[in-house]
PDB file of N, CA and C in Angstrom:
ATOM      1  N   UNK A   1     -54.695  18.350  26.241  1.00  0.00           N
ATOM      2  CA  UNK A   1     -54.325  17.039  25.751  1.00  0.00           C
ATOM      3  C   UNK A   1     -55.121  15.991  26.506  1.00  0.00           C
ATOM      4  N   UNK A   2     -55.721  15.078  25.795  1.00  0.00           N
ATOM      5  CA  UNK A   2     -56.521  14.015  26.396  1.00  0.00           C
ATOM      6  C   UNK A   2     -55.644  12.803  26.691  1.00  0.00           C
ATOM      7  N   UNK A   3     -55.830  12.222  27.855  1.00  0.00           N
ATOM      8  CA  UNK A   3     -55.068  11.036  28.206  1.00  0.00           C
ATOM      9  C   UNK A   3     -55.811   9.782  27.753  1.00  0.00           C
ATOM     10  N   UNK A   4     -55.096   8.679  27.701  1.00  0.00           N
ATOM     11  CA  UNK A   4     -55.713   7.410  27.322  1.00  0.00           C
ATOM     12  C   UNK A   4     -56.668   6.947  28.406  1.00  0.00           C
ATOM     13  N   UNK A   5     -57.733   6.235  28.027  1.00  0.00           N
ATOM     14  CA  UNK A   5     -58.633   5.704  29.060  1.00  0.00           C
ATOM     15  C   UNK A   5     -57.886   4.707  29.941  1.00  0.00           C
ATOM     16  N   UNK A   6     -58.307   4.634  31.175  1.00  0.00           N
ATOM     17  CA  UNK A   6     -57.643   3.750  32.122  1.00  0.00           C
ATOM     18  C   UNK A   6     -58.090   2.312  31.856  1.00  0.00           C
ATOM     19  N   UNK A   7     -57.181   1.513  31.356  1.00  0.00           N
ATOM     20  CA  UNK A   7     -57.436   0.099  31.101  1.00  0.00           C
ATOM     21  C   UNK A   7     -56.105  -0.627  31.094  1.00  0.00           C
ATOM     22  N   UNK A   8     -56.146  -1.927  31.250  1.00  0.00           N
ATOM     23  CA  UNK A   8     -54.936  -2.729  31.283  1.00  0.00           C
ATOM     24  C   UNK A   8     -54.290  -2.763  29.906  1.00  0.00           C
ATOM     25  N   UNK A   9     -52.982  -2.655  29.864  1.00  0.00           N
ATOM     26  CA  UNK A   9     -52.240  -2.698  28.610  1.00  0.00           C
ATOM     27  C   UNK A   9     -51.488  -4.026  28.511  1.00  0.00           C
ATOM     28  N   UNK A  10     -51.388  -4.524  27.284  1.00  0.00           N
ATOM     29  CA  UNK A  10     -50.749  -5.808  27.037  1.00  0.00           C
ATOM     30  C   UNK A  10     -49.743  -5.692  25.900  1.00  0.00           C
ATOM     31  N   UNK A  11     -48.550  -6.159  26.127  1.00  0.00           N
ATOM     32  CA  UNK A  11     -47.583  -6.390  25.062  1.00  0.00           C
ATOM     33  C   UNK A  11     -47.278  -5.169  24.210  1.00  0.00           C
ATOM     34  N   UNK A  12     -46.499  -5.397  23.183  1.00  0.00           N
ATOM     35  CA  UNK A  12     -46.133  -4.380  22.219  1.00  0.00           C
ATOM     36  C   UNK A  12     -47.362  -3.918  21.447  1.00  0.00           C
ATOM     37  N   UNK A  13     -47.431  -2.668  21.140  1.00  0.00           N
ATOM     38  CA  UNK A  13     -48.479  -2.041  20.340  1.00  0.00           C
ATOM     39  C   UNK A  13     -49.829  -1.943  21.052  1.00  0.00           C
ATOM     40  N   UNK A  14     -49.937  -2.364  22.300  1.00  0.00           N
ATOM     41  CA  UNK A  14     -51.237  -2.339  22.968  1.00  0.00           C
ATOM     42  C   UNK A  14     -51.683  -0.929  23.350  1.00  0.00           C
ATOM     43  N   UNK A  15     -50.777   0.046  23.280  1.00  0.00           N
ATOM     44  CA  UNK A  15     -51.157   1.423  23.584  1.00  0.00           C
ATOM     45  C   UNK A  15     -51.738   2.134  22.369  1.00  0.00           C
ATOM     46  N   UNK A  16     -51.646   1.492  21.218  1.00  0.00           N
ATOM     47  CA  UNK A  16     -52.189   2.055  19.988  1.00  0.00           C
ATOM     48  C   UNK A  16     -53.646   1.646  19.830  1.00  0.00           C
ATOM     49  N   UNK A  17     -54.373   2.325  18.963  1.00  0.00           N
ATOM     50  CA  UNK A  17     -55.729   1.853  18.649  1.00  0.00           C
ATOM     51  C   UNK A  17     -55.648   0.450  18.045  1.00  0.00           C
ATOM     52  N   UNK A  18     -56.754  -0.268  18.003  1.00  0.00           N
ATOM     53  CA  UNK A  18     -56.733  -1.626  17.446  1.00  0.00           C
ATOM     54  C   UNK A  18     -56.129  -1.646  16.042  1.00  0.00           C
ATOM     55  N   UNK A  19     -55.309  -2.658  15.776  1.00  0.00           N
ATOM     56  CA  UNK A  19     -54.682  -2.780  14.463  1.00  0.00           C
ATOM     57  C   UNK A  19     -55.698  -3.251  13.430  1.00  0.00           C
ATOM     58  N   UNK A  20     -55.634  -2.672  12.244  1.00  0.00           N
ATOM     59  CA  UNK A  20     -56.463  -3.161  11.146  1.00  0.00           C
ATOM     60  C   UNK A  20     -55.790  -4.405  10.563  1.00  0.00           C
ATOM     61  N   UNK A  21     -56.514  -5.119   9.726  1.00  0.00           N
ATOM     62  CA  UNK A  21     -55.920  -6.295   9.098  1.00  0.00           C
ATOM     63  C   UNK A  21     -54.703  -5.913   8.254  1.00  0.00           C
ATOM     64  N   UNK A  22     -54.741  -4.756   7.594  1.00  0.00           N
ATOM     65  CA  UNK A  22     -53.591  -4.324   6.789  1.00  0.00           C
ATOM     66  C   UNK A  22     -52.368  -4.061   7.673  1.00  0.00           C
ATOM     67  N   UNK A  23     -52.589  -3.484   8.858  1.00  0.00           N
ATOM     68  CA  UNK A  23     -51.479  -3.228   9.765  1.00  0.00           C
ATOM     69  C   UNK A  23     -50.927  -4.536  10.338  1.00  0.00           C
ATOM     70  N   UNK A  24     -51.811  -5.471  10.606  1.00  0.00           N
ATOM     71  CA  UNK A  24     -51.365  -6.787  11.090  1.00  0.00           C
ATOM     72  C   UNK A  24     -50.536  -7.469  10.015  1.00  0.00           C
ATOM     73  N   UNK A  25     -50.975  -7.384   8.765  1.00  0.00           N
ATOM     74  CA  UNK A  25     -50.241  -7.987   7.649  1.00  0.00           C
ATOM     75  C   UNK A  25     -48.839  -7.390   7.553  1.00  0.00           C
ATOM     76  N   UNK A  26     -48.710  -6.076   7.723  1.00  0.00           N
ATOM     77  CA  UNK A  26     -47.389  -5.434   7.671  1.00  0.00           C
ATOM     78  C   UNK A  26     -46.464  -5.972   8.767  1.00  0.00           C
ATOM     79  N   UNK A  27     -46.996  -6.148   9.973  1.00  0.00           N
ATOM     80  CA  UNK A  27     -46.192  -6.691  11.068  1.00  0.00           C
ATOM     81  C   UNK A  27     -45.760  -8.129  10.772  1.00  0.00           C
ATOM     82  N   UNK A  28     -46.673  -8.907  10.213  1.00  0.00           N
ATOM     83  CA  UNK A  28     -46.360 -10.303   9.884  1.00  0.00           C
ATOM     84  C   UNK A  28     -45.335 -10.370   8.759  1.00  0.00           C
ATOM     85  N   UNK A  29     -45.468  -9.483   7.760  1.00  0.00           N
ATOM     86  CA  UNK A  29     -44.488  -9.449   6.676  1.00  0.00           C
ATOM     87  C   UNK A  29     -43.099  -9.144   7.208  1.00  0.00           C
ATOM     88  N   UNK A  30     -43.013  -8.207   8.161  1.00  0.00           N
ATOM     89  CA  UNK A  30     -41.719  -7.915   8.788  1.00  0.00           C
ATOM     90  C   UNK A  30     -41.181  -9.167   9.480  1.00  0.00           C
ATOM     91  N   UNK A  31     -42.046  -9.846  10.214  1.00  0.00           N
ATOM     92  CA  UNK A  31     -41.659 -11.058  10.928  1.00  0.00           C
ATOM     93  C   UNK A  31     -41.111 -12.105   9.960  1.00  0.00           C
ATOM     94  N   UNK A  32     -41.813 -12.324   8.859  1.00  0.00           N
ATOM     95  CA  UNK A  32     -41.381 -13.311   7.875  1.00  0.00           C
ATOM     96  C   UNK A  32     -40.086 -12.873   7.187  1.00  0.00           C
ATOM     97  N   UNK A  33     -39.942 -11.575   6.912  1.00  0.00           N
ATOM     98  CA  UNK A  33     -38.718 -11.062   6.287  1.00  0.00           C
ATOM     99  C   UNK A  33     -37.503 -11.279   7.179  1.00  0.00           C
ATOM    100  N   UNK A  34     -37.709 -11.242   8.492  1.00  0.00           N
ATOM    101  CA  UNK A  34     -36.617 -11.464   9.442  1.00  0.00           C
ATOM    102  C   UNK A  34     -36.295 -12.945   9.619  1.00  0.00           C
ATOM    103  N   UNK A  35     -37.116 -13.806   9.033  1.00  0.00           N
ATOM    104  CA  UNK A  35     -36.902 -15.241   9.162  1.00  0.00           C
ATOM    105  C   UNK A  35     -37.522 -15.839  10.410  1.00  0.00           C
ATOM    106  N   UNK A  36     -38.371 -15.081  11.099  1.00  0.00           N
ATOM    107  CA  UNK A  36     -39.022 -15.587  12.304  1.00  0.00           C
ATOM    108  C   UNK A  36     -40.173 -16.512  11.931  1.00  0.00           C
ATOM    109  N   UNK A  37     -40.452 -17.446  12.789  1.00  0.00           N
ATOM    110  CA  UNK A  37     -41.550 -18.393  12.586  1.00  0.00           C
ATOM    111  C   UNK A  37     -42.757 -17.874  13.355  1.00  0.00           C
ATOM    112  N   UNK A  38     -43.854 -17.561  12.661  1.00  0.00           N
ATOM    113  CA  UNK A  38     -45.025 -17.008  13.353  1.00  0.00           C
ATOM    114  C   UNK A  38     -45.849 -18.081  14.061  1.00  0.00           C
ATOM    115  N   UNK A  39     -46.497 -17.655  15.113  1.00  0.00           N
ATOM    116  CA  UNK A  39     -47.423 -18.505  15.841  1.00  0.00           C
ATOM    117  C   UNK A  39     -48.559 -17.651  16.375  1.00  0.00           C
ATOM    118  N   UNK A  40     -49.683 -18.269  16.633  1.00  0.00           N
ATOM    119  CA  UNK A  40     -50.851 -17.559  17.158  1.00  0.00           C
ATOM    120  C   UNK A  40     -51.180 -18.172  18.514  1.00  0.00           C
ATOM    121  N   UNK A  41     -51.373 -17.329  19.512  1.00  0.00           N
ATOM    122  CA  UNK A  41     -51.723 -17.778  20.864  1.00  0.00           C
ATOM    123  C   UNK A  41     -52.960 -17.037  21.346  1.00  0.00           C
ATOM    124  N   UNK A  42     -53.660 -17.650  22.302  1.00  0.00           N
ATOM    125  CA  UNK A  42     -54.839 -16.998  22.879  1.00  0.00           C
ATOM    126  C   UNK A  42     -54.903 -17.276  24.365  1.00  0.00           C
ATOM    127  N   UNK A  43     -55.575 -16.390  25.074  1.00  0.00           N
ATOM    128  CA  UNK A  43     -55.749 -16.528  26.522  1.00  0.00           C
ATOM    129  C   UNK A  43     -56.995 -15.750  26.907  1.00  0.00           C
ATOM    130  N   UNK A  44     -57.857 -16.381  27.702  1.00  0.00           N
ATOM    131  CA  UNK A  44     -59.106 -15.727  28.083  1.00  0.00           C
ATOM    132  C   UNK A  44     -58.893 -14.607  29.083  1.00  0.00           C
ATOM    133  N   UNK A  45     -58.019 -14.814  30.040  1.00  0.00           N
ATOM    134  CA  UNK A  45     -57.785 -13.808  31.071  1.00  0.00           C
ATOM    135  C   UNK A  45     -56.282 -13.673  31.325  1.00  0.00           C
ATOM    136  N   UNK A  46     -55.572 -12.953  30.462  1.00  0.00           N
ATOM    137  CA  UNK A  46     -54.124 -12.839  30.668  1.00  0.00           C
ATOM    138  C   UNK A  46     -53.786 -11.910  31.820  1.00  0.00           C
ATOM    139  N   UNK A  47     -53.092 -12.419  32.752  1.00  0.00           N
ATOM    140  CA  UNK A  47     -52.614 -11.650  33.898  1.00  0.00           C
ATOM    141  C   UNK A  47     -51.098 -11.516  33.783  1.00  0.00           C
ATOM    142  N   UNK A  48     -50.508 -10.556  34.461  1.00  0.00           N
ATOM    143  CA  UNK A  48     -49.055 -10.396  34.355  1.00  0.00           C
ATOM    144  C   UNK A  48     -48.269 -11.655  34.721  1.00  0.00           C
ATOM    145  N   UNK A  49     -48.803 -12.461  35.617  1.00  0.00           N
ATOM    146  CA  UNK A  49     -48.094 -13.677  36.006  1.00  0.00           C
ATOM    147  C   UNK A  49     -48.370 -14.856  35.063  1.00  0.00           C
ATOM    148  N   UNK A  50     -49.210 -14.654  34.035  1.00  0.00           N
ATOM    149  CA  UNK A  50     -49.498 -15.702  33.057  1.00  0.00           C
ATOM    150  C   UNK A  50     -48.452 -15.610  31.956  1.00  0.00           C
ATOM    151  N   UNK A  51     -47.408 -16.427  32.077  1.00  0.00           N
ATOM    152  CA  UNK A  51     -46.327 -16.373  31.100  1.00  0.00           C
ATOM    153  C   UNK A  51     -46.636 -17.199  29.861  1.00  0.00           C
ATOM    154  N   UNK A  52     -47.442 -18.230  30.017  1.00  0.00           N
ATOM    155  CA  UNK A  52     -47.704 -19.135  28.913  1.00  0.00           C
ATOM    156  C   UNK A  52     -49.147 -19.028  28.473  1.00  0.00           C
ATOM    157  N   UNK A  53     -49.348 -18.715  27.209  1.00  0.00           N
ATOM    158  CA  UNK A  53     -50.662 -18.671  26.605  1.00  0.00           C
ATOM    159  C   UNK A  53     -50.871 -19.984  25.860  1.00  0.00           C
ATOM    160  N   UNK A  54     -52.112 -20.286  25.520  1.00  0.00           N
ATOM    161  CA  UNK A  54     -52.418 -21.501  24.770  1.00  0.00           C
ATOM    162  C   UNK A  54     -52.143 -21.254  23.294  1.00  0.00           C
ATOM    163  N   UNK A  55     -51.421 -22.182  22.673  1.00  0.00           N
ATOM    164  CA  UNK A  55     -51.125 -22.032  21.252  1.00  0.00           C
ATOM    165  C   UNK A  55     -52.324 -22.438  20.414  1.00  0.00           C
ATOM    166  N   UNK A  56     -52.569 -21.675  19.372  1.00  0.00           N
ATOM    167  CA  UNK A  56     -53.572 -22.012  18.370  1.00  0.00           C
ATOM    168  C   UNK A  56     -52.837 -22.843  17.332  1.00  0.00           C
ATOM    169  N   UNK A  57     -53.072 -24.144  17.345  1.00  0.00           N
ATOM    170  CA  UNK A  57     -52.372 -25.078  16.456  1.00  0.00           C
ATOM    171  C   UNK A  57     -50.871 -25.005  16.731  1.00  0.00           C
ATOM    172  N   UNK A  58     -50.072 -25.552  15.829  1.00  0.00           N
ATOM    173  CA  UNK A  58     -48.617 -25.489  15.949  1.00  0.00           C
ATOM    174  C   UNK A  58     -48.112 -24.189  15.345  1.00  0.00           C
ATOM    175  N   UNK A  59     -46.877 -23.788  15.668  1.00  0.00           N
ATOM    176  CA  UNK A  59     -46.333 -22.623  14.968  1.00  0.00           C
ATOM    177  C   UNK A  59     -46.369 -22.868  13.458  1.00  0.00           C
ATOM    178  N   UNK A  60     -46.456 -21.809  12.704  1.00  0.00           N
ATOM    179  CA  UNK A  60     -46.613 -21.918  11.257  1.00  0.00           C
ATOM    180  C   UNK A  60     -45.234 -22.003  10.587  1.00  0.00           C
ATOM    181  N   UNK A  61     -44.594 -23.155  10.741  1.00  0.00           N
ATOM    182  CA  UNK A  61     -43.228 -23.358  10.254  1.00  0.00           C
ATOM    183  C   UNK A  61     -43.119 -23.120   8.752  1.00  0.00           C
ATOM    184  N   UNK A  62     -44.120 -23.521   7.993  1.00  0.00           N
ATOM    185  CA  UNK A  62     -44.055 -23.399   6.545  1.00  0.00           C
ATOM    186  C   UNK A  62     -44.705 -22.153   5.990  1.00  0.00           C
ATOM    187  N   UNK A  63     -45.039 -21.194   6.836  1.00  0.00           N
ATOM    188  CA  UNK A  63     -45.734 -19.993   6.356  1.00  0.00           C
ATOM    189  C   UNK A  63     -44.830 -19.202   5.419  1.00  0.00           C
ATOM    190  N   UNK A  64     -45.338 -18.950   4.230  1.00  0.00           N
ATOM    191  CA  UNK A  64     -44.559 -18.181   3.264  1.00  0.00           C
ATOM    192  C   UNK A  64     -45.209 -16.839   2.946  1.00  0.00           C
ATOM    193  N   UNK A  65     -46.446 -16.643   3.411  1.00  0.00           N
ATOM    194  CA  UNK A  65     -47.113 -15.364   3.166  1.00  0.00           C
ATOM    195  C   UNK A  65     -47.867 -14.916   4.412  1.00  0.00           C
ATOM    196  N   UNK A  66     -48.043 -13.626   4.494  1.00  0.00           N
ATOM    197  CA  UNK A  66     -48.761 -13.065   5.639  1.00  0.00           C
ATOM    198  C   UNK A  66     -50.237 -13.458   5.604  1.00  0.00           C
ATOM    199  N   UNK A  67     -50.773 -13.725   4.432  1.00  0.00           N
ATOM    200  CA  UNK A  67     -52.179 -14.101   4.310  1.00  0.00           C
ATOM    201  C   UNK A  67     -52.469 -15.441   4.979  1.00  0.00           C
ATOM    202  N   UNK A  68     -51.504 -16.348   4.973  1.00  0.00           N
ATOM    203  CA  UNK A  68     -51.674 -17.629   5.668  1.00  0.00           C
ATOM    204  C   UNK A  68     -51.832 -17.395   7.171  1.00  0.00           C
ATOM    205  N   UNK A  69     -51.002 -16.539   7.715  1.00  0.00           N
ATOM    206  CA  UNK A  69     -51.042 -16.246   9.146  1.00  0.00           C
ATOM    207  C   UNK A  69     -52.326 -15.489   9.483  1.00  0.00           C
ATOM    208  N   UNK A  70     -52.708 -14.533   8.646  1.00  0.00           N
ATOM    209  CA  UNK A  70     -53.935 -13.776   8.869  1.00  0.00           C
ATOM    210  C   UNK A  70     -55.153 -14.690   8.854  1.00  0.00           C
ATOM    211  N   UNK A  71     -55.154 -15.702   7.989  1.00  0.00           N
ATOM    212  CA  UNK A  71     -56.260 -16.669   7.958  1.00  0.00           C
ATOM    213  C   UNK A  71     -56.349 -17.435   9.277  1.00  0.00           C
ATOM    214  N   UNK A  72     -55.208 -17.775   9.863  1.00  0.00           N
ATOM    215  CA  UNK A  72     -55.208 -18.468  11.160  1.00  0.00           C
ATOM    216  C   UNK A  72     -55.706 -17.543  12.267  1.00  0.00           C
ATOM    217  N   UNK A  73     -55.333 -16.279  12.208  1.00  0.00           N
ATOM    218  CA  UNK A  73     -55.814 -15.303  13.200  1.00  0.00           C
ATOM    219  C   UNK A  73     -57.329 -15.193  13.121  1.00  0.00           C
ATOM    220  N   UNK A  74     -57.855 -15.085  11.926  1.00  0.00           N
ATOM    221  CA  UNK A  74     -59.311 -14.977  11.751  1.00  0.00           C
ATOM    222  C   UNK A  74     -60.026 -16.221  12.255  1.00  0.00           C
ATOM    223  N   UNK A  75     -59.449 -17.381  11.990  1.00  0.00           N
ATOM    224  CA  UNK A  75     -60.043 -18.631  12.462  1.00  0.00           C
ATOM    225  C   UNK A  75     -60.035 -18.692  13.987  1.00  0.00           C
ATOM    226  N   UNK A  76     -58.935 -18.263  14.592  1.00  0.00           N
ATOM    227  CA  UNK A  76     -58.838 -18.234  16.056  1.00  0.00           C
ATOM    228  C   UNK A  76     -59.831 -17.238  16.641  1.00  0.00           C
ATOM    229  N   UNK A  77     -59.981 -16.073  16.010  1.00  0.00           N
ATOM    230  CA  UNK A  77     -60.962 -15.076  16.468  1.00  0.00           C
ATOM    231  C   UNK A  77     -62.377 -15.641  16.460  1.00  0.00           C
ATOM    232  N   UNK A  78     -62.719 -16.374  15.410  1.00  0.00           N
ATOM    233  CA  UNK A  78     -64.080 -16.904  15.323  1.00  0.00           C
ATOM    234  C   UNK A  78     -64.301 -18.035  16.325  1.00  0.00           C
ATOM    235  N   UNK A  79     -63.274 -18.804  16.627  1.00  0.00           N
ATOM    236  CA  UNK A  79     -63.389 -19.905  17.582  1.00  0.00           C
ATOM    237  C   UNK A  79     -63.372 -19.409  19.030  1.00  0.00           C
ATOM    238  N   UNK A  80     -62.563 -18.394  19.313  1.00  0.00           N
ATOM    239  CA  UNK A  80     -62.405 -17.881  20.674  1.00  0.00           C
ATOM    240  C   UNK A  80     -62.621 -16.362  20.707  1.00  0.00           C
ATOM    241  N   UNK A  81     -63.839 -15.891  20.473  1.00  0.00           N
ATOM    242  CA  UNK A  81     -64.088 -14.443  20.422  1.00  0.00           C
ATOM    243  C   UNK A  81     -63.925 -13.747  21.773  1.00  0.00           C
ATOM    244  N   UNK A  82     -63.975 -14.507  22.866  1.00  0.00           N
ATOM    245  CA  UNK A  82     -63.853 -13.914  24.204  1.00  0.00           C
ATOM    246  C   UNK A  82     -62.442 -14.017  24.762  1.00  0.00           C
ATOM    247  N   UNK A  83     -61.473 -14.257  23.899  1.00  0.00           N
ATOM    248  CA  UNK A  83     -60.086 -14.383  24.338  1.00  0.00           C
ATOM    249  C   UNK A  83     -59.222 -13.302  23.710  1.00  0.00           C
ATOM    250  N   UNK A  84     -58.138 -13.000  24.390  1.00  0.00           N
ATOM    251  CA  UNK A  84     -57.117 -12.148  23.822  1.00  0.00           C
ATOM    252  C   UNK A  84     -56.307 -13.008  22.871  1.00  0.00           C
ATOM    253  N   UNK A  85     -55.919 -12.447  21.743  1.00  0.00           N
ATOM    254  CA  UNK A  85     -55.155 -13.209  20.749  1.00  0.00           C
ATOM    255  C   UNK A  85     -53.911 -12.403  20.406  1.00  0.00           C
ATOM    256  N   UNK A  86     -52.784 -13.097  20.344  1.00  0.00           N
ATOM    257  CA  UNK A  86     -51.550 -12.433  19.965  1.00  0.00           C
ATOM    258  C   UNK A  86     -50.794 -13.265  18.937  1.00  0.00           C
ATOM    259  N   UNK A  87     -49.962 -12.593  18.182  1.00  0.00           N
ATOM    260  CA  UNK A  87     -49.069 -13.238  17.226  1.00  0.00           C
ATOM    261  C   UNK A  87     -47.673 -13.167  17.814  1.00  0.00           C
ATOM    262  N   UNK A  88     -46.971 -14.276  17.758  1.00  0.00           N
ATOM    263  CA  UNK A  88     -45.608 -14.323  18.283  1.00  0.00           C
ATOM    264  C   UNK A  88     -44.664 -14.731  17.157  1.00  0.00           C
ATOM    265  N   UNK A  89     -43.418 -14.361  17.292  1.00  0.00           N
ATOM    266  CA  UNK A  89     -42.401 -14.730  16.316  1.00  0.00           C
ATOM    267  C   UNK A  89     -41.256 -15.449  17.014  1.00  0.00           C
ATOM    268  N   UNK A  90     -40.920 -16.641  16.509  1.00  0.00           N
ATOM    269  CA  UNK A  90     -39.807 -17.425  17.049  1.00  0.00           C
ATOM    270  C   UNK A  90     -38.595 -17.272  16.148  1.00  0.00           C
ATOM    271  N   UNK A  91     -37.442 -17.115  16.754  1.00  0.00           N
ATOM    272  CA  UNK A  91     -36.184 -17.099  16.011  1.00  0.00           C
ATOM    273  C   UNK A  91     -35.582 -18.491  16.144  1.00  0.00           C
ATOM    274  N   UNK A  92     -35.456 -19.203  15.011  1.00  0.00           N
ATOM    275  CA  UNK A  92     -34.948 -20.576  15.096  1.00  0.00           C
ATOM    276  C   UNK A  92     -33.441 -20.629  15.315  1.00  0.00           C
ATOM    277  N   UNK A  93     -32.732 -19.513  15.164  1.00  0.00           N
ATOM    278  CA  UNK A  93     -31.294 -19.482  15.452  1.00  0.00           C
ATOM    279  C   UNK A  93     -31.068 -19.283  16.952  1.00  0.00           C
ATOM    280  N   UNK A  94     -31.735 -18.293  17.532  1.00  0.00           N
ATOM    281  CA  UNK A  94     -31.600 -18.012  18.961  1.00  0.00           C
ATOM    282  C   UNK A  94     -32.415 -18.965  19.823  1.00  0.00           C
ATOM    283  N   UNK A  95     -33.350 -19.684  19.185  1.00  0.00           N
ATOM    284  CA  UNK A  95     -34.213 -20.638  19.886  1.00  0.00           C
ATOM    285  C   UNK A  95     -35.059 -19.965  20.964  1.00  0.00           C
ATOM    286  N   UNK A  96     -35.656 -18.836  20.613  1.00  0.00           N
ATOM    287  CA  UNK A  96     -36.505 -18.142  21.564  1.00  0.00           C
ATOM    288  C   UNK A  96     -37.529 -17.281  20.832  1.00  0.00           C
ATOM    289  N   UNK A  97     -38.498 -16.813  21.595  1.00  0.00           N
ATOM    290  CA  UNK A  97     -39.496 -15.880  21.065  1.00  0.00           C
ATOM    291  C   UNK A  97     -38.852 -14.510  20.978  1.00  0.00           C
ATOM    292  N   UNK A  98     -38.965 -13.868  19.829  1.00  0.00           N
ATOM    293  CA  UNK A  98     -38.310 -12.572  19.652  1.00  0.00           C
ATOM    294  C   UNK A  98     -39.279 -11.411  19.543  1.00  0.00           C
ATOM    295  N   UNK A  99     -40.543 -11.677  19.222  1.00  0.00           N
ATOM    296  CA  UNK A  99     -41.520 -10.593  19.158  1.00  0.00           C
ATOM    297  C   UNK A  99     -42.914 -11.129  19.395  1.00  0.00           C
ATOM    298  N   UNK A 100     -43.798 -10.253  19.825  1.00  0.00           N
ATOM    299  CA  UNK A 100     -45.201 -10.610  19.994  1.00  0.00           C
ATOM    300  C   UNK A 100     -46.018  -9.325  20.030  1.00  0.00           C
ATOM    301  N   UNK A 101     -47.256  -9.430  19.589  1.00  0.00           N
ATOM    302  CA  UNK A 101     -48.151  -8.284  19.634  1.00  0.00           C
ATOM    303  C   UNK A 101     -49.591  -8.759  19.632  1.00  0.00           C
ATOM    304  N   UNK A 102     -50.434  -7.990  20.306  1.00  0.00           N
ATOM    305  CA  UNK A 102     -51.856  -8.302  20.439  1.00  0.00           C
ATOM    306  C   UNK A 102     -52.569  -7.968  19.131  1.00  0.00           C
ATOM    307  N   UNK A 103     -53.414  -8.895  18.656  1.00  0.00           N
ATOM    308  CA  UNK A 103     -54.205  -8.649  17.451  1.00  0.00           C
ATOM    309  C   UNK A 103     -55.701  -8.645  17.729  1.00  0.00           C
ATOM    310  N   UNK A 104     -56.105  -9.047  18.940  1.00  0.00           N
ATOM    311  CA  UNK A 104     -57.534  -9.065  19.274  1.00  0.00           C
ATOM    312  C   UNK A 104     -57.721  -8.972  20.784  1.00  0.00           C
ATOM    313  N   UNK A 105     -58.586  -8.040  21.184  1.00  0.00           N
ATOM    314  CA  UNK A 105     -59.041  -7.959  22.576  1.00  0.00           C
ATOM    315  C   UNK A 105     -60.545  -8.168  22.555  1.00  0.00           C
ATOM    316  N   UNK A 106     -61.084  -8.971  23.464  1.00  0.00           N
ATOM    317  CA  UNK A 106     -62.512  -9.273  23.425  1.00  0.00           C
ATOM    318  C   UNK A 106     -63.390  -8.107  23.902  1.00  0.00           C
ATOM    319  N   UNK A 107     -64.315  -7.716  23.079  1.00  0.00           N
ATOM    320  CA  UNK A 107     -65.381  -6.754  23.438  1.00  0.00           C
ATOM    321  C   UNK A 107     -64.916  -5.564  24.265  1.00  0.00           C
ATOM    322  N   UNK A 108     -63.780  -4.974  23.925  1.00  0.00           N
ATOM    323  CA  UNK A 108     -63.340  -3.804  24.657  1.00  0.00           C
ATOM    324  C   UNK A 108     -62.993  -2.691  23.687  1.00  0.00           C
ATOM    325  N   UNK A 109     -63.722  -1.614  23.762  1.00  0.00           N
ATOM    326  CA  UNK A 109     -63.435  -0.384  23.038  1.00  0.00           C
ATOM    327  C   UNK A 109     -62.999  -0.611  21.599  1.00  0.00           C
ATOM    328  N   UNK A 110     -63.837  -1.293  20.843  1.00  0.00           N
ATOM    329  CA  UNK A 110     -63.572  -1.421  19.415  1.00  0.00           C
ATOM    330  C   UNK A 110     -62.838  -2.668  18.990  1.00  0.00           C
ATOM    331  N   UNK A 111     -62.366  -3.464  19.921  1.00  0.00           N
ATOM    332  CA  UNK A 111     -61.672  -4.683  19.524  1.00  0.00           C
ATOM    333  C   UNK A 111     -62.671  -5.748  19.193  1.00  0.00           C
TER     334      UNK A 111
END
């Protein structure tokens, strides 16, 4: 059995191979179905003590489709190709972030 290469892991799903756009869309659809408000964040050098990432625009309060969120992810990727990018989901009832996952790692093993 082969072990994973030794590299830093980030957030949910970071132990999996890079997500395709279709897989990202499925995660976003789940987020929207749960009533969560999606947001896109980026950080050039995320360290464990870095709790706050920079938001890409405002959270997408009016997002009604996963394609809207995917378009923002693509725009963020093109603007900040050397940054880690994640999608977060806010629960407006609990008033907190309820999920997040990495959608882009800069120039590392296929990302």
